[in-house]
Amino acid sequence: FEPLAKPALAKLAGLLTVQGDFKVEQQGDDIHVINKGELKLEDIGIEQEQIRLTNRSMGWDGSTGVTLNTASSQTHVKTEGKLTVEDIDIEHELAFLKNRLLAWDGNTDLTLNTTSSQASIKSTGKLTSTGLATDLHAQKMKLEYRDLDLDLLLSYSDDQQGTDIKVNSELSITGLDLLATEKKVDIISAEKLRLAGLEFKGPEHVTVEKISADKLNLGRSLEQQESTSENENRAIFHAEKISIDKFSHIDGFTAVDTIVEDGVHVVYHRNTEGKWNTVTLLDALAGEKKEDENGAATPGETGTETETASGPPPIAVKRIDVSSGSTATFHDESVNPAFRTTLTINELFLENLDGRQAGQTSSFKLDGNLDKHSSVNAGGDVKPYLQPPEMDIQGKLQAIGLPPLSPYTTDSMGVMIDSGSLDLDLEL
């Protein structure tokens, strides 16, 4: 069949096997085509001007019914069965995709009007995928995961009343990884990510009953720093587990009931060249600044525009809890000697954050130890959405060692601190 496919396809290779029952019948204006059985494609090779596809095996086992109405130009397709795709590779100048195993087990109803191009789809089933690796050449990123399981209920209609889409699903992904290859940054990785009770009615209407992630990393450097051990986690943010209850994004507003973070470790790191790890992550997400002919950065082209005068984006969170034993580390290698300090959390929470109400009072509490002998306590109320923000905060620092600050006092004042500690009561 390859000569018949040219010039649309430069190559068409493979073997086709069909087994089963095939029936065609006509009833008035309806033509029914019914097939029950197996369809198998092996050693597929397809080449087109921009795409090359290879696939070891693709099989369908089930029933397919097609009804053509010659009077109304309406086509109805109903399928029920299992589709299995093994070892598929797709190459394009913009991306490369490899998937070791992809399977769909379910049923689908499709109605299409060939004259008006109006369509409706209803689909129920389970999608599984193993060993996905995608190389996004244009974005210089790679997306990978080990396993994906998706229980799906989908309905879609496009008619004179407009487009309506509804998705209800349960999603589980293991071994998730999104990497910026040139920046040598693992943007996000998770041992397991789960979304329960996902409902999608369009980009501006998404709700999820529960989101959870195990061993989540954000902005993990893939470069080994001289001062870090091989086993040290080099992520900006690491959490053993995060649970988010009742997430919703509706008409531009995002709301969350509760966020619980267990085993959190945050690292703010500045390298010997003075660059922060947070800046490296933003560069990986948005790209470097473009320069004009004079070498000056062109504003507004980094993809990380500063927040407008309207303040932070609207969001509401009832409560955020960070577990005891979590840490925040500040590590600065741009000074000599390098400065490093770690805050260990005993208690940290924030509650009643609501971007819809500028006068809403949000309260927080922080209790922790700074290194071995120092302590930090702070708490109070803030109104972050007011312009300017309001706050009523009380804090206490005890036994803060001063000698580690010498690299900064030496650079700024020419003073080296040999000994001493600081106690401070703060009201802000």
Protein backbone atom coordinates (compact mmCIF):
# COMPACT_ATOMS: atom_id res chain seq x y z
CA PHE A 1 0.00 0.00 0.00
CA GLU A 2 3.00 2.32 0.24
CA PRO A 3 2.75 3.54 -3.40
CA LEU A 4 -0.90 4.49 -2.77
CA ALA A 5 0.11 6.57 0.28
CA LYS A 6 2.60 8.70 -1.63
CA PRO A 7 3.25 11.61 -1.71
CA ALA A 8 1.47 12.17 1.64
CA LEU A 9 3.69 9.51 3.23
CA ALA A 10 7.28 8.87 2.26
CA LYS A 11 7.25 5.47 3.97
CA LEU A 12 4.59 2.99 5.08
CA ALA A 13 5.87 -0.26 6.57
CA GLY A 14 4.40 -2.97 8.78
CA LEU A 15 2.05 -5.93 8.90
CA LEU A 16 -1.74 -5.81 9.37
CA THR A 17 -3.75 -8.72 10.75
CA VAL A 18 -7.53 -8.72 11.12
CA GLN A 19 -9.62 -11.45 12.73
CA GLY A 20 -13.31 -11.39 13.60
CA ASP A 21 -16.81 -10.80 12.30
CA PHE A 22 -17.61 -8.02 9.89
CA LYS A 23 -21.16 -7.03 8.92
CA VAL A 24 -22.63 -4.29 6.71
CA GLU A 25 -26.36 -3.61 6.47
CA GLN A 26 -28.66 -0.84 5.28
CA GLN A 27 -31.91 0.21 6.93
CA GLY A 28 -33.57 3.12 5.17
CA ASP A 29 -31.14 6.06 5.24
CA ASP A 30 -28.84 4.31 7.72
CA ILE A 31 -25.83 2.24 6.76
CA HIS A 32 -24.48 0.11 9.63
CA VAL A 33 -20.93 -1.23 9.69
CA ILE A 34 -20.21 -3.58 12.62
CA ASN A 35 -16.93 -5.27 13.47
CA LYS A 36 -16.14 -7.59 16.39
CA GLY A 37 -12.72 -9.10 16.80
CA GLU A 38 -9.04 -8.27 16.71
CA LEU A 39 -6.98 -5.85 14.69
CA LYS A 40 -3.21 -5.92 14.99
CA LEU A 41 -0.43 -3.81 13.47
CA GLU A 42 3.18 -4.94 13.86
CA ASP A 43 6.55 -3.36 13.09
CA ILE A 44 4.95 -0.11 11.94
CA GLY A 45 7.09 2.46 10.18
CA ILE A 46 5.62 5.72 8.93
CA GLU A 47 7.56 8.68 7.59
CA GLN A 48 6.10 12.00 6.53
CA GLU A 49 7.79 15.30 5.72
CA GLN A 50 8.03 16.36 9.39
CA ILE A 51 7.23 13.22 11.41
CA ARG A 52 8.76 9.77 11.72
CA LEU A 53 6.86 7.08 13.65
CA THR A 54 7.91 3.56 14.60
CA ASN A 55 5.79 1.17 16.63
CA ARG A 56 6.54 -2.44 17.51
CA SER A 57 2.93 -3.46 18.04
CA MET A 58 -0.55 -1.92 18.16
CA GLY A 59 -3.59 -4.07 18.87
CA TRP A 60 -7.32 -3.58 19.24
CA ASP A 61 -9.61 -6.24 20.71
CA GLY A 62 -13.26 -5.33 20.92
CA SER A 63 -16.25 -4.14 18.94
CA THR A 64 -16.68 -1.16 16.65
CA GLY A 65 -19.94 0.05 15.20
CA VAL A 66 -20.32 2.81 12.61
CA THR A 67 -23.67 4.21 11.49
CA LEU A 68 -23.86 6.57 8.48
CA ASN A 69 -27.08 8.47 7.87
CA THR A 70 -27.13 9.55 4.23
CA ALA A 71 -30.04 11.98 4.72
CA SER A 72 -28.65 13.98 7.66
CA SER A 73 -24.90 13.59 6.96
CA GLN A 74 -24.54 12.33 10.52
CA THR A 75 -22.05 9.66 11.55
CA HIS A 76 -22.19 7.72 14.81
CA VAL A 77 -19.26 5.62 16.01
CA LYS A 78 -19.39 3.34 19.05
CA THR A 79 -16.41 1.38 20.32
CA GLU A 80 -15.92 -0.95 23.27
CA GLY A 81 -12.75 -2.87 23.98
CA LYS A 82 -9.04 -2.60 24.66
CA LEU A 83 -6.32 -0.81 22.69
CA THR A 84 -2.67 -1.68 23.41
CA VAL A 85 0.33 0.16 21.96
CA GLU A 86 3.84 -1.19 22.63
CA ASP A 87 7.16 0.59 22.04
CA ILE A 88 6.15 3.65 20.07
CA ASP A 89 8.63 6.35 19.00
CA ILE A 90 7.56 9.64 17.42
CA GLU A 91 10.17 12.07 16.08
CA HIS A 92 9.47 15.67 15.05
CA GLU A 93 11.74 18.68 14.70
CA LEU A 94 10.08 20.19 17.79
CA ALA A 95 9.89 17.09 20.00
CA PHE A 96 10.69 13.43 20.46
CA LEU A 97 8.34 11.05 22.29
CA LYS A 98 8.93 7.50 23.42
CA ASN A 99 6.38 5.35 25.25
CA ARG A 100 7.05 1.74 26.20
CA LEU A 101 3.42 0.75 26.81
CA LEU A 102 0.12 2.55 26.35
CA ALA A 103 -3.26 0.92 26.95
CA TRP A 104 -6.89 2.04 26.88
CA ASP A 105 -9.75 -0.14 28.15
CA GLY A 106 -13.21 1.39 27.86
CA ASN A 107 -16.00 2.54 25.59
CA THR A 108 -16.53 5.62 23.44
CA ASP A 109 -19.55 7.13 21.66
CA LEU A 110 -18.85 9.67 18.92
CA THR A 111 -21.44 11.57 16.91
CA LEU A 112 -20.29 13.78 14.03
CA ASN A 113 -22.22 15.90 11.53
CA THR A 114 -20.01 16.05 8.44
CA THR A 115 -21.88 19.05 7.03
CA SER A 116 -21.78 21.35 10.08
CA SER A 117 -18.69 19.79 11.74
CA GLN A 118 -20.65 19.62 15.00
CA ALA A 119 -19.61 16.76 17.25
CA SER A 120 -20.22 15.10 20.59
CA ILE A 121 -18.14 12.52 22.46
CA LYS A 122 -18.78 10.41 25.53
CA SER A 123 -16.02 8.17 26.80
CA THR A 124 -15.52 6.05 29.91
CA GLY A 125 -12.54 3.86 30.72
CA LYS A 126 -9.04 3.46 32.07
CA LEU A 127 -5.82 4.71 30.47
CA THR A 128 -2.44 3.33 31.52
CA SER A 129 1.01 4.35 30.32
CA THR A 130 4.46 3.01 31.18
CA GLY A 131 7.89 4.42 30.44
CA LEU A 132 7.17 7.79 28.85
CA ALA A 133 10.10 10.00 27.79
CA THR A 134 9.54 13.26 25.91
CA ASP A 135 12.26 15.60 24.67
CA LEU A 136 10.88 19.10 23.96
CA HIS A 137 13.60 20.52 21.71
CA ALA A 138 12.23 24.08 21.44
CA GLN A 139 11.80 24.46 25.20
CA LYS A 140 15.03 22.53 25.91
CA MET A 141 13.17 20.41 28.43
CA LYS A 142 12.55 16.72 29.07
CA LEU A 143 9.41 15.19 30.58
CA GLU A 144 9.50 11.64 31.92
CA TYR A 145 7.47 9.30 34.11
CA ARG A 146 7.48 5.60 34.98
CA ASP A 147 3.76 4.88 35.21
CA LEU A 148 0.50 6.73 34.68
CA ASP A 149 -3.01 5.50 35.60
CA LEU A 150 -6.07 7.51 34.64
CA ASP A 151 -9.70 6.58 35.31
CA LEU A 152 -11.62 8.80 32.92
CA LEU A 153 -15.19 9.95 32.34
CA LEU A 154 -15.34 12.43 29.45
CA SER A 155 -18.20 14.24 27.72
CA TYR A 156 -17.79 16.81 24.97
CA SER A 157 -20.26 18.58 22.72
CA ASP A 158 -19.88 21.30 20.12
CA ASP A 159 -23.17 22.56 18.73
CA GLN A 160 -25.13 25.75 18.08
CA GLN A 161 -25.33 26.45 21.84
CA GLY A 162 -21.54 26.43 22.05
CA THR A 163 -18.82 24.09 23.31
CA ASP A 164 -19.31 22.10 26.49
CA ILE A 165 -16.67 19.82 28.02
CA LYS A 166 -16.70 17.85 31.27
CA VAL A 167 -13.97 15.58 32.60
CA ASN A 168 -14.10 13.56 35.80
CA SER A 169 -11.05 11.49 36.61
CA GLU A 170 -8.68 9.92 39.10
CA LEU A 171 -5.01 10.35 38.17
CA SER A 172 -1.86 8.72 39.54
CA ILE A 173 1.69 9.26 38.22
CA THR A 174 4.91 7.69 39.55
CA GLY A 175 8.47 8.74 38.79
CA LEU A 176 7.52 12.15 37.40
CA ASP A 177 10.39 14.34 36.18
CA LEU A 178 10.53 17.65 34.27
CA LEU A 179 14.11 18.69 33.52
CA ALA A 180 15.69 21.78 31.94
CA THR A 181 18.63 20.10 30.24
CA GLU A 182 20.83 23.10 29.37
CA LYS A 183 20.29 24.77 32.76
CA LYS A 184 20.99 21.47 34.52
CA VAL A 185 17.94 21.93 36.71
CA ASP A 186 15.34 19.35 37.65
CA ILE A 187 12.36 21.73 37.60
CA ILE A 188 9.94 19.35 39.31
CA SER A 189 10.12 15.71 40.34
CA ALA A 190 7.89 13.49 42.44
CA GLU A 191 8.01 9.85 43.38
CA LYS A 192 4.22 9.77 43.22
CA LEU A 193 1.57 12.34 42.31
CA ARG A 194 -2.15 11.70 42.84
CA LEU A 195 -5.24 13.73 41.91
CA ALA A 196 -8.51 12.43 43.32
CA GLY A 197 -11.89 13.77 42.26
CA LEU A 198 -10.61 15.86 39.36
CA GLU A 199 -13.37 17.74 37.53
CA PHE A 200 -12.58 19.83 34.46
CA LYS A 201 -15.11 22.03 32.69
CA GLY A 202 -12.63 24.23 30.86
CA PRO A 203 -9.44 26.17 31.69
CA GLU A 204 -11.38 28.49 34.01
CA HIS A 205 -13.24 25.76 35.89
CA VAL A 206 -11.05 23.09 37.50
CA THR A 207 -11.71 21.44 40.86
CA VAL A 208 -9.84 18.63 42.66
CA GLU A 209 -10.95 16.97 45.88
CA LYS A 210 -7.41 16.02 46.94
CA ILE A 211 -3.90 16.45 45.54
CA SER A 212 -1.00 14.62 47.13
CA ALA A 213 2.67 14.25 46.23
CA ASP A 214 5.39 12.03 47.73
CA LYS A 215 9.07 13.05 47.72
CA LEU A 216 8.42 16.28 45.83
CA ASN A 217 11.38 18.36 44.63
CA LEU A 218 11.31 21.81 43.02
CA GLY A 219 14.36 23.36 41.38
CA ARG A 220 16.83 20.59 42.15
CA SER A 221 20.28 21.35 40.80
CA LEU A 222 21.86 18.60 38.72
CA GLU A 223 25.32 20.09 39.27
CA GLN A 224 27.34 18.93 42.24
CA GLN A 225 28.57 21.91 44.26
CA GLU A 226 32.02 21.61 45.81
CA SER A 227 30.67 22.30 49.28
CA THR A 228 27.78 19.82 49.15
CA SER A 229 27.94 16.12 49.84
CA GLU A 230 26.77 13.54 47.34
CA ASN A 231 23.72 12.68 49.49
CA GLU A 232 22.69 16.25 50.24
CA ASN A 233 19.40 17.30 48.66
CA ARG A 234 20.09 20.25 46.37
CA ALA A 235 16.48 21.19 45.66
CA ILE A 236 15.17 24.66 46.44
CA PHE A 237 12.11 22.95 47.92
CA HIS A 238 11.82 19.32 49.05
CA ALA A 239 8.88 17.71 50.85
CA GLU A 240 8.48 14.10 51.89
CA LYS A 241 4.74 14.55 51.38
CA ILE A 242 2.32 17.33 50.51
CA SER A 243 -1.47 17.09 50.77
CA ILE A 244 -3.82 19.70 49.30
CA ASP A 245 -7.54 19.42 50.09
CA LYS A 246 -10.31 20.92 47.95
CA PHE A 247 -8.46 22.82 45.25
CA SER A 248 -10.47 24.95 42.81
CA HIS A 249 -9.70 27.40 40.03
CA ILE A 250 -12.91 29.05 38.84
CA ASP A 251 -13.20 32.21 36.76
CA GLY A 252 -9.64 33.32 37.51
CA PHE A 253 -9.79 32.76 41.27
CA THR A 254 -7.89 29.96 43.02
CA ALA A 255 -9.03 28.58 46.38
CA VAL A 256 -7.62 25.84 48.61
CA ASP A 257 -9.05 24.45 51.82
CA THR A 258 -5.90 23.14 53.54
CA ILE A 259 -2.26 22.46 52.67
CA VAL A 260 -0.22 20.12 54.86
CA GLU A 261 3.53 19.87 54.21
CA ASP A 262 5.53 17.06 55.87
CA GLY A 263 9.30 16.80 55.96
CA VAL A 264 9.95 20.11 54.20
CA HIS A 265 13.51 21.27 53.47
CA VAL A 266 14.02 24.62 51.74
CA VAL A 267 17.46 25.76 50.55
CA TYR A 268 18.28 29.29 49.39
CA HIS A 269 21.70 29.00 47.79
CA ARG A 270 23.93 31.65 46.20
CA ASN A 271 26.94 30.32 44.30
CA THR A 272 30.43 31.75 44.14
CA GLU A 273 29.42 33.92 41.16
CA GLY A 274 26.61 35.47 43.23
CA LYS A 275 23.69 33.80 41.44
CA TRP A 276 20.75 32.51 43.49
CA ASN A 277 19.25 29.08 42.85
CA THR A 278 15.80 30.69 42.61
CA VAL A 279 17.00 32.82 39.69
CA THR A 280 18.38 29.73 37.94
CA LEU A 281 14.97 28.06 38.30
CA LEU A 282 13.15 31.11 36.90
CA ASP A 283 15.60 31.22 33.98
CA ALA A 284 14.90 27.56 33.27
CA LEU A 285 11.16 28.20 33.25
CA ALA A 286 11.12 31.49 31.35
CA GLY A 287 14.36 31.66 29.36
CA GLU A 288 17.19 34.18 29.57
CA LYS A 289 16.67 37.90 29.04
CA LYS A 290 17.11 38.97 25.43
CA GLU A 291 19.61 41.72 24.82
CA ASP A 292 19.34 44.59 22.37
CA GLU A 293 22.16 45.78 20.13
CA ASN A 294 23.72 47.75 23.00
CA GLY A 295 23.75 44.70 25.27
CA ALA A 296 20.95 45.98 27.51
CA ALA A 297 18.25 43.58 28.63
CA THR A 298 14.96 44.06 26.85
CA PRO A 299 12.22 44.50 29.48
CA GLY A 300 9.23 42.22 29.61
CA GLU A 301 10.80 39.37 27.68
CA THR A 302 11.80 37.05 30.49
CA GLY A 303 8.33 35.64 30.99
CA THR A 304 8.55 36.61 34.68
CA GLU A 305 6.86 39.99 34.71
CA THR A 306 6.78 41.68 38.09
CA GLU A 307 3.45 41.83 39.82
CA THR A 308 1.28 44.75 38.91
CA ALA A 309 0.17 47.46 41.27
CA SER A 310 -2.95 45.42 41.97
CA GLY A 311 -0.84 43.19 44.24
CA PRO A 312 -0.34 39.42 44.34
CA PRO A 313 -2.64 37.16 42.29
CA PRO A 314 -5.98 36.42 43.97
CA ILE A 315 -5.90 33.23 46.01
CA ALA A 316 -7.65 31.96 49.13
CA VAL A 317 -6.19 29.37 51.52
CA LYS A 318 -7.84 28.47 54.81
CA ARG A 319 -4.74 26.99 56.42
CA ILE A 320 -1.16 25.95 55.65
CA ASP A 321 0.69 23.68 58.09
CA VAL A 322 4.39 22.77 57.97
CA SER A 323 5.43 19.77 60.04
CA SER A 324 7.82 19.90 62.98
CA GLY A 325 11.38 19.06 62.01
CA SER A 326 11.19 20.84 58.65
CA THR A 327 14.12 23.13 57.83
CA ALA A 328 15.04 26.24 55.87
CA THR A 329 18.72 26.70 54.98
CA PHE A 330 20.45 29.88 53.80
CA HIS A 331 23.75 29.12 52.06
CA ASP A 332 25.86 31.90 50.58
CA GLU A 333 29.13 30.98 48.83
CA SER A 334 29.66 34.46 47.37
CA VAL A 335 31.32 35.61 50.61
CA ASN A 336 34.53 34.38 52.22
CA PRO A 337 34.25 32.33 54.31
CA ALA A 338 30.95 30.96 53.02
CA PHE A 339 27.94 31.64 55.24
CA ARG A 340 25.45 28.90 56.11
CA THR A 341 22.68 28.72 58.67
CA THR A 342 19.66 26.45 59.12
CA LEU A 343 16.31 27.16 60.76
CA THR A 344 14.60 24.05 62.17
CA ILE A 345 10.84 24.38 62.48
CA ASN A 346 8.99 23.43 65.64
CA GLU A 347 5.69 24.99 64.54
CA LEU A 348 4.68 26.95 61.45
CA PHE A 349 1.23 27.78 60.15
CA LEU A 350 -0.65 30.41 58.15
CA GLU A 351 -4.43 30.68 58.06
CA ASN A 352 -7.27 32.71 56.56
CA LEU A 353 -5.53 34.03 53.46
CA ASP A 354 -8.13 35.46 51.05
CA GLY A 355 -7.34 37.63 48.04
CA ARG A 356 -11.03 38.47 47.52
CA GLN A 357 -11.14 40.46 50.77
CA ALA A 358 -8.39 43.03 51.11
CA GLY A 359 -9.36 43.65 54.74
CA GLN A 360 -9.18 39.97 55.66
CA THR A 361 -6.81 39.32 58.57
CA SER A 362 -4.43 36.42 58.07
CA SER A 363 -2.61 35.03 61.09
CA PHE A 364 0.62 33.06 61.32
CA LYS A 365 2.98 31.57 63.86
CA LEU A 366 6.63 30.58 63.58
CA ASP A 367 8.59 28.78 66.28
CA GLY A 368 11.99 27.35 65.49
CA ASN A 369 15.65 26.91 66.36
CA LEU A 370 18.46 28.57 64.45
CA ASP A 371 21.35 26.15 64.41
CA LYS A 372 22.04 24.55 67.84
CA HIS A 373 21.68 27.27 70.48
CA SER A 374 19.54 30.03 68.97
CA SER A 375 15.77 30.34 68.73
CA VAL A 376 13.36 32.34 66.59
CA ASN A 377 9.73 33.04 67.50
CA ALA A 378 7.30 35.20 65.57
CA GLY A 379 3.57 35.51 65.15
CA GLY A 380 0.72 37.89 64.58
CA ASP A 381 -1.72 39.17 61.99
CA VAL A 382 -1.14 40.48 58.47
CA LYS A 383 -3.33 41.92 55.73
CA PRO A 384 -1.20 41.19 52.65
CA TYR A 385 -3.77 42.29 50.07
CA LEU A 386 -4.11 45.85 51.34
CA GLN A 387 -2.13 48.56 49.53
CA PRO A 388 0.12 49.09 51.40
CA PRO A 389 -0.11 45.87 53.49
CA GLU A 390 -0.85 46.07 57.22
CA MET A 391 0.72 43.91 59.91
CA ASP A 392 0.84 43.44 63.66
CA ILE A 393 3.72 41.06 64.40
CA GLN A 394 5.63 40.23 67.55
CA GLY A 395 8.96 38.41 67.39
CA LYS A 396 11.78 37.25 69.60
CA LEU A 397 15.34 36.24 68.69
CA GLN A 398 17.49 34.59 71.35
CA ALA A 399 21.22 33.83 71.38
CA ILE A 400 21.83 34.64 67.72
CA GLY A 401 25.57 34.12 67.18
CA LEU A 402 27.29 37.13 65.60
CA PRO A 403 30.69 35.78 64.40
CA PRO A 404 29.16 33.94 61.38
CA LEU A 405 27.99 37.36 60.12
CA SER A 406 31.59 38.57 59.80
CA PRO A 407 31.79 38.05 56.01
CA TYR A 408 29.00 40.61 55.61
CA THR A 409 30.20 43.13 58.22
CA THR A 410 33.73 42.93 56.81
CA ASP A 411 32.54 43.75 53.28
CA SER A 412 30.14 46.52 54.32
CA MET A 413 31.90 48.13 57.31
CA GLY A 414 35.39 46.66 57.45
CA VAL A 415 34.58 45.15 60.85
CA MET A 416 35.16 41.51 61.83
CA ILE A 417 33.15 40.12 64.74
CA ASP A 418 35.16 37.75 66.93
CA SER A 419 32.49 36.94 69.51
CA GLY A 420 29.07 37.88 70.80
CA SER A 421 25.39 37.03 70.54
CA LEU A 422 22.17 38.94 69.99
CA ASP A 423 18.84 38.85 71.88
CA LEU A 424 16.04 40.88 70.33
CA ASP A 425 12.38 41.57 71.07
CA LEU A 426 10.69 42.88 67.93
CA GLU A 427 7.31 44.53 67.45
CA LEU A 428 6.44 45.41 63.89
